[in-house]
C-alpha atoms as a PDB file:
ATOM      1  CA  UNK A   1      84.310-134.137 -56.347  1.00  0.00           C
ATOM      2  CA  UNK A   2      85.228-136.688 -58.471  1.00  0.00           C
ATOM      3  CA  UNK A   3      82.677-139.862 -58.659  1.00  0.00           C
ATOM      4  CA  UNK A   4      83.676-142.666 -56.121  1.00  0.00           C
ATOM      5  CA  UNK A   5      81.542-145.416 -58.138  1.00  0.00           C
ATOM      6  CA  UNK A   6      81.754-146.104 -62.199  1.00  0.00           C
ATOM      7  CA  UNK A   7      78.313-144.730 -63.674  1.00  0.00           C
ATOM      8  CA  UNK A   8      77.606-143.370 -66.708  1.00  0.00           C
ATOM      9  CA  UNK A   9      76.730-139.678 -67.158  1.00  0.00           C
ATOM     10  CA  UNK A  10      77.228-138.776 -63.403  1.00  0.00           C
ATOM     11  CA  UNK A  11      78.677-135.694 -64.193  1.00  0.00           C
ATOM     12  CA  UNK A  12      75.389-133.893 -64.396  1.00  0.00           C
ATOM     13  CA  UNK A  13      75.892-133.400 -67.834  1.00  0.00           C
ATOM     14  CA  UNK A  14      72.057-135.011 -68.575  1.00  0.00           C
ATOM     15  CA  UNK A  15      69.184-136.290 -66.848  1.00  0.00           C
ATOM     16  CA  UNK A  16      68.461-132.870 -64.056  1.00  0.00           C
ATOM     17  CA  UNK A  17      64.927-133.238 -65.005  1.00  0.00           C
ATOM     18  CA  UNK A  18      65.244-137.241 -63.495  1.00  0.00           C
ATOM     19  CA  UNK A  19      66.167-135.833 -60.578  1.00  0.00           C
ATOM     20  CA  UNK A  20      63.773-133.189 -60.460  1.00  0.00           C
ATOM     21  CA  UNK A  21      60.931-135.836 -60.994  1.00  0.00           C
ATOM     22  CA  UNK A  22      62.671-138.237 -58.438  1.00  0.00           C
ATOM     23  CA  UNK A  23      62.294-135.193 -55.814  1.00  0.00           C
ATOM     24  CA  UNK A  24      58.717-134.533 -56.279  1.00  0.00           C
ATOM     25  CA  UNK A  25      57.493-138.293 -56.543  1.00  0.00           C
ATOM     26  CA  UNK A  26      55.231-139.305 -53.997  1.00  0.00           C
ATOM     27  CA  UNK A  27      57.214-141.231 -51.118  1.00  0.00           C
ATOM     28  CA  UNK A  28      55.419-144.389 -51.965  1.00  0.00           C
ATOM     29  CA  UNK A  29      56.159-144.381 -55.642  1.00  0.00           C
ATOM     30  CA  UNK A  30      59.659-143.124 -54.925  1.00  0.00           C
ATOM     31  CA  UNK A  31      60.171-146.143 -52.856  1.00  0.00           C
ATOM     32  CA  UNK A  32      58.953-148.537 -55.410  1.00  0.00           C
ATOM     33  CA  UNK A  33      61.204-147.570 -57.692  1.00  0.00           C
ATOM     34  CA  UNK A  34      64.426-147.639 -55.011  1.00  0.00           C
ATOM     35  CA  UNK A  35      63.034-151.043 -54.084  1.00  0.00           C
ATOM     36  CA  UNK A  36      63.662-152.006 -57.829  1.00  0.00           C
ATOM     37  CA  UNK A  37      67.099-150.603 -57.518  1.00  0.00           C
ATOM     38  CA  UNK A  38      68.374-152.552 -54.501  1.00  0.00           C
ATOM     39  CA  UNK A  39      66.241-154.339 -52.174  1.00  0.00           C
ATOM     40  CA  UNK A  40      67.152-153.491 -49.170  1.00  0.00           C
ATOM     41  CA  UNK A  41      64.719-151.238 -47.111  1.00  0.00           C
ATOM     42  CA  UNK A  42      67.349-149.380 -45.001  1.00  0.00           C
ATOM     43  CA  UNK A  43      69.148-148.474 -48.282  1.00  0.00           C
ATOM     44  CA  UNK A  44      65.687-147.701 -49.688  1.00  0.00           C
ATOM     45  CA  UNK A  45      64.650-145.431 -46.934  1.00  0.00           C
ATOM     46  CA  UNK A  46      68.311-143.685 -46.631  1.00  0.00           C
ATOM     47  CA  UNK A  47      68.116-143.031 -50.165  1.00  0.00           C
ATOM     48  CA  UNK A  48      64.273-141.692 -50.035  1.00  0.00           C
ATOM     49  CA  UNK A  49      65.312-139.677 -46.859  1.00  0.00           C
ATOM     50  CA  UNK A  50      67.670-137.587 -48.796  1.00  0.00           C
ATOM     51  CA  UNK A  51      65.464-135.879 -51.134  1.00  0.00           C
ATOM     52  CA  UNK A  52      65.243-133.297 -52.212  1.00  0.00           C
ATOM     53  CA  UNK A  53      68.622-133.897 -54.066  1.00  0.00           C
ATOM     54  CA  UNK A  54      70.422-130.726 -55.739  1.00  0.00           C
ATOM     55  CA  UNK A  55      71.732-132.518 -58.525  1.00  0.00           C
ATOM     56  CA  UNK A  56      72.256-136.119 -60.186  1.00  0.00           C
ATOM     57  CA  UNK A  57      75.652-136.125 -58.781  1.00  0.00           C
ATOM     58  CA  UNK A  58      74.694-135.686 -55.205  1.00  0.00           C
ATOM     59  CA  UNK A  59      71.906-138.084 -55.514  1.00  0.00           C
ATOM     60  CA  UNK A  60      74.417-140.711 -56.611  1.00  0.00           C
ATOM     61  CA  UNK A  61      76.824-139.929 -54.254  1.00  0.00           C
ATOM     62  CA  UNK A  62      74.033-140.314 -51.325  1.00  0.00           C
ATOM     63  CA  UNK A  63      72.964-144.164 -52.935  1.00  0.00           C
ATOM     64  CA  UNK A  64      76.658-144.804 -53.025  1.00  0.00           C
ATOM     65  CA  UNK A  65      77.129-144.063 -49.504  1.00  0.00           C
ATOM     66  CA  UNK A  66      74.185-145.810 -48.443  1.00  0.00           C
ATOM     67  CA  UNK A  67      75.025-149.163 -50.286  1.00  0.00           C
ATOM     68  CA  UNK A  68      78.552-148.918 -48.865  1.00  0.00           C
ATOM     69  CA  UNK A  69      76.773-149.066 -45.718  1.00  0.00           C
ATOM     70  CA  UNK A  70      74.987-152.332 -46.141  1.00  0.00           C
ATOM     71  CA  UNK A  71      75.411-155.237 -43.467  1.00  0.00           C
ATOM     72  CA  UNK A  72      76.172-158.908 -44.944  1.00  0.00           C
ATOM     73  CA  UNK A  73      72.406-159.633 -43.820  1.00  0.00           C
ATOM     74  CA  UNK A  74      71.006-156.848 -45.806  1.00  0.00           C
ATOM     75  CA  UNK A  75      73.291-157.766 -48.732  1.00  0.00           C
ATOM     76  CA  UNK A  76      71.831-161.407 -48.249  1.00  0.00           C
ATOM     77  CA  UNK A  77      68.211-160.212 -48.387  1.00  0.00           C
ATOM     78  CA  UNK A  78      68.921-158.085 -51.791  1.00  0.00           C
ATOM     79  CA  UNK A  79      70.770-161.074 -53.548  1.00  0.00           C
ATOM     80  CA  UNK A  80      67.245-162.929 -52.830  1.00  0.00           C
ATOM     81  CA  UNK A  81      66.124-160.623 -55.632  1.00  0.00           C
ATOM     82  CA  UNK A  82      68.503-161.218 -57.979  1.00  0.00           C
ATOM     83  CA  UNK A  83      68.084-164.243 -61.073  1.00  0.00           C
ATOM     84  CA  UNK A  84      71.337-166.853 -61.456  1.00  0.00           C
ATOM     85  CA  UNK A  85      73.061-165.011 -64.119  1.00  0.00           C
ATOM     86  CA  UNK A  86      72.507-166.569 -67.340  1.00  0.00           C
ATOM     87  CA  UNK A  87      68.760-167.207 -65.826  1.00  0.00           C
ATOM     88  CA  UNK A  88      65.955-164.478 -67.532  1.00  0.00           C
ATOM     89  CA  UNK A  89      63.512-163.455 -65.321  1.00  0.00           C
ATOM     90  CA  UNK A  90      59.869-164.486 -67.003  1.00  0.00           C
ATOM     91  CA  UNK A  91      57.978-161.497 -65.538  1.00  0.00           C
ATOM     92  CA  UNK A  92      57.518-158.049 -66.622  1.00  0.00           C
ATOM     93  CA  UNK A  93      58.484-155.925 -64.010  1.00  0.00           C
ATOM     94  CA  UNK A  94      60.810-153.209 -63.590  1.00  0.00           C
ATOM     95  CA  UNK A  95      63.503-155.108 -61.766  1.00  0.00           C
ATOM     96  CA  UNK A  96      62.933-158.028 -64.299  1.00  0.00           C
ATOM     97  CA  UNK A  97      63.373-155.844 -67.172  1.00  0.00           C
ATOM     98  CA  UNK A  98      66.734-154.186 -65.961  1.00  0.00           C
ATOM     99  CA  UNK A  99      67.942-157.701 -65.499  1.00  0.00           C
ATOM    100  CA  UNK A 100      67.601-158.808 -68.864  1.00  0.00           C
ATOM    101  CA  UNK A 101      68.994-155.768 -70.030  1.00  0.00           C
ATOM    102  CA  UNK A 102      71.848-155.801 -68.188  1.00  0.00           C
ATOM    103  CA  UNK A 103      72.493-159.540 -69.201  1.00  0.00           C
ATOM    104  CA  UNK A 104      72.404-158.697 -72.579  1.00  0.00           C
ATOM    105  CA  UNK A 105      75.900-159.063 -73.441  1.00  0.00           C
ATOM    106  CA  UNK A 106      75.370-162.972 -72.002  1.00  0.00           C
ATOM    107  CA  UNK A 107      75.120-164.791 -75.301  1.00  0.00           C
ATOM    108  CA  UNK A 108      72.451-167.398 -75.357  1.00  0.00           C
ATOM    109  CA  UNK A 109      73.725-170.281 -76.909  1.00  0.00           C
ATOM    110  CA  UNK A 110      73.529-173.981 -75.380  1.00  0.00           C
ATOM    111  CA  UNK A 111      77.067-174.135 -74.564  1.00  0.00           C
ATOM    112  CA  UNK A 112      77.360-170.973 -72.539  1.00  0.00           C
ATOM    113  CA  UNK A 113      74.473-171.224 -70.825  1.00  0.00           C
ATOM    114  CA  UNK A 114      75.153-174.910 -69.809  1.00  0.00           C
ATOM    115  CA  UNK A 115      78.454-173.353 -68.524  1.00  0.00           C
ATOM    116  CA  UNK A 116      76.917-170.483 -66.706  1.00  0.00           C
ATOM    117  CA  UNK A 117      74.623-172.845 -64.718  1.00  0.00           C
ATOM    118  CA  UNK A 118      77.573-174.941 -63.764  1.00  0.00           C
ATOM    119  CA  UNK A 119      79.552-172.563 -62.484  1.00  0.00           C
ATOM    120  CA  UNK A 120      76.300-170.733 -60.940  1.00  0.00           C
ATOM    121  CA  UNK A 121      75.811-173.783 -58.655  1.00  0.00           C
ATOM    122  CA  UNK A 122      79.640-174.881 -58.300  1.00  0.00           C
ATOM    123  CA  UNK A 123      79.289-171.116 -56.399  1.00  0.00           C
ATOM    124  CA  UNK A 124      75.980-172.053 -54.897  1.00  0.00           C
ATOM    125  CA  UNK A 125      77.836-175.138 -53.151  1.00  0.00           C
ATOM    126  CA  UNK A 126      81.168-173.087 -52.419  1.00  0.00           C
ATOM    127  CA  UNK A 127      79.098-169.781 -50.767  1.00  0.00           C
ATOM    128  CA  UNK A 128      75.649-170.797 -50.085  1.00  0.00           C
ATOM    129  CA  UNK A 129      74.257-168.401 -52.432  1.00  0.00           C
ATOM    130  CA  UNK A 130      73.798-166.912 -55.734  1.00  0.00           C
ATOM    131  CA  UNK A 131      76.850-165.504 -57.718  1.00  0.00           C
ATOM    132  CA  UNK A 132      76.103-161.907 -58.267  1.00  0.00           C
ATOM    133  CA  UNK A 133      78.017-159.511 -60.547  1.00  0.00           C
ATOM    134  CA  UNK A 134      77.172-156.561 -62.603  1.00  0.00           C
ATOM    135  CA  UNK A 135      77.112-158.039 -65.645  1.00  0.00           C
ATOM    136  CA  UNK A 136      76.352-154.914 -67.784  1.00  0.00           C
ATOM    137  CA  UNK A 137      78.684-154.857 -70.523  1.00  0.00           C
ATOM    138  CA  UNK A 138      80.172-158.138 -69.838  1.00  0.00           C
ATOM    139  CA  UNK A 139      79.963-161.459 -72.170  1.00  0.00           C
ATOM    140  CA  UNK A 140      79.657-164.592 -71.125  1.00  0.00           C
ATOM    141  CA  UNK A 141      83.175-165.484 -71.434  1.00  0.00           C
ATOM    142  CA  UNK A 142      83.919-162.816 -68.914  1.00  0.00           C
ATOM    143  CA  UNK A 143      81.432-163.796 -66.158  1.00  0.00           C
ATOM    144  CA  UNK A 144      82.635-167.496 -66.596  1.00  0.00           C
ATOM    145  CA  UNK A 145      86.253-165.981 -65.966  1.00  0.00           C
ATOM    146  CA  UNK A 146      85.088-163.735 -63.124  1.00  0.00           C
ATOM    147  CA  UNK A 147      83.221-166.530 -61.317  1.00  0.00           C
ATOM    148  CA  UNK A 148      85.757-169.084 -61.499  1.00  0.00           C
ATOM    149  CA  UNK A 149      88.403-166.307 -60.279  1.00  0.00           C
ATOM    150  CA  UNK A 150      85.799-165.632 -57.499  1.00  0.00           C
ATOM    151  CA  UNK A 151      85.495-169.552 -56.198  1.00  0.00           C
ATOM    152  CA  UNK A 152      89.114-168.923 -55.105  1.00  0.00           C
ATOM    153  CA  UNK A 153      88.492-166.235 -52.565  1.00  0.00           C
ATOM    154  CA  UNK A 154      87.821-166.658 -49.079  1.00  0.00           C
ATOM    155  CA  UNK A 155      84.348-165.924 -47.560  1.00  0.00           C
ATOM    156  CA  UNK A 156      84.993-162.885 -45.823  1.00  0.00           C
ATOM    157  CA  UNK A 157      86.896-161.501 -49.276  1.00  0.00           C
ATOM    158  CA  UNK A 158      83.745-162.952 -51.270  1.00  0.00           C
ATOM    159  CA  UNK A 159      81.435-160.867 -49.100  1.00  0.00           C
ATOM    160  CA  UNK A 160      83.137-157.782 -49.721  1.00  0.00           C
ATOM    161  CA  UNK A 161      83.316-158.514 -53.562  1.00  0.00           C
ATOM    162  CA  UNK A 162      79.347-159.029 -53.778  1.00  0.00           C
ATOM    163  CA  UNK A 163      78.953-156.002 -51.460  1.00  0.00           C
ATOM    164  CA  UNK A 164      80.488-154.256 -54.221  1.00  0.00           C
ATOM    165  CA  UNK A 165      78.671-155.727 -57.307  1.00  0.00           C
ATOM    166  CA  UNK A 166      75.250-155.083 -55.724  1.00  0.00           C
ATOM    167  CA  UNK A 167      76.281-151.520 -54.754  1.00  0.00           C
ATOM    168  CA  UNK A 168      77.373-150.944 -59.035  1.00  0.00           C
ATOM    169  CA  UNK A 169      73.938-152.607 -59.960  1.00  0.00           C
ATOM    170  CA  UNK A 170      71.956-150.621 -57.406  1.00  0.00           C
ATOM    171  CA  UNK A 171      73.822-147.163 -59.331  1.00  0.00           C
ATOM    172  CA  UNK A 172      73.508-148.377 -62.429  1.00  0.00           C
ATOM    173  CA  UNK A 173      69.458-148.760 -61.593  1.00  0.00           C
ATOM    174  CA  UNK A 174      69.333-145.684 -59.919  1.00  0.00           C
ATOM    175  CA  UNK A 175      70.681-143.953 -63.103  1.00  0.00           C
ATOM    176  CA  UNK A 176      68.071-145.818 -65.237  1.00  0.00           C
ATOM    177  CA  UNK A 177      65.086-144.141 -62.667  1.00  0.00           C
ATOM    178  CA  UNK A 178      66.769-140.851 -63.313  1.00  0.00           C
ATOM    179  CA  UNK A 179      67.020-141.316 -67.181  1.00  0.00           C
ATOM    180  CA  UNK A 180      63.481-142.441 -66.962  1.00  0.00           C
END
């Protein structure tokens, strides 16, 4: 069965030891790791309760399915844990470190940061929430183009896009947990 989500390494050719480690973690430690992937208790518990996983693919499929079931309220909760695109979190926690890595392609020059700030504010005025995008591998120009395009969405369409972006971020972070 092909993966229904874009995640590197999901064919299972590496990282099975990461699945074994994840399966063996005490529940509280696994819960903490999963909260850093997606700060939604129902998602965390769904993934946690699926243990033990036979392999990487099954864990990622389970996490994917749980992410697809998030309610709008749960998505909004998760957004509160994400910084504005272009803003790098100052703390040294796992989630902040992942966020900095995911935004690695964002140019840090004054003009790029100003444009990102402007589009973030436009988006927040339009939709009342932080602009969320799975920025891994994207440049500032690509992020700006996506944000500007999404400003034209209606509320229902944008909610679906945000949920999809959150799902991609969560799965990318689960991959990081497995890769240690």
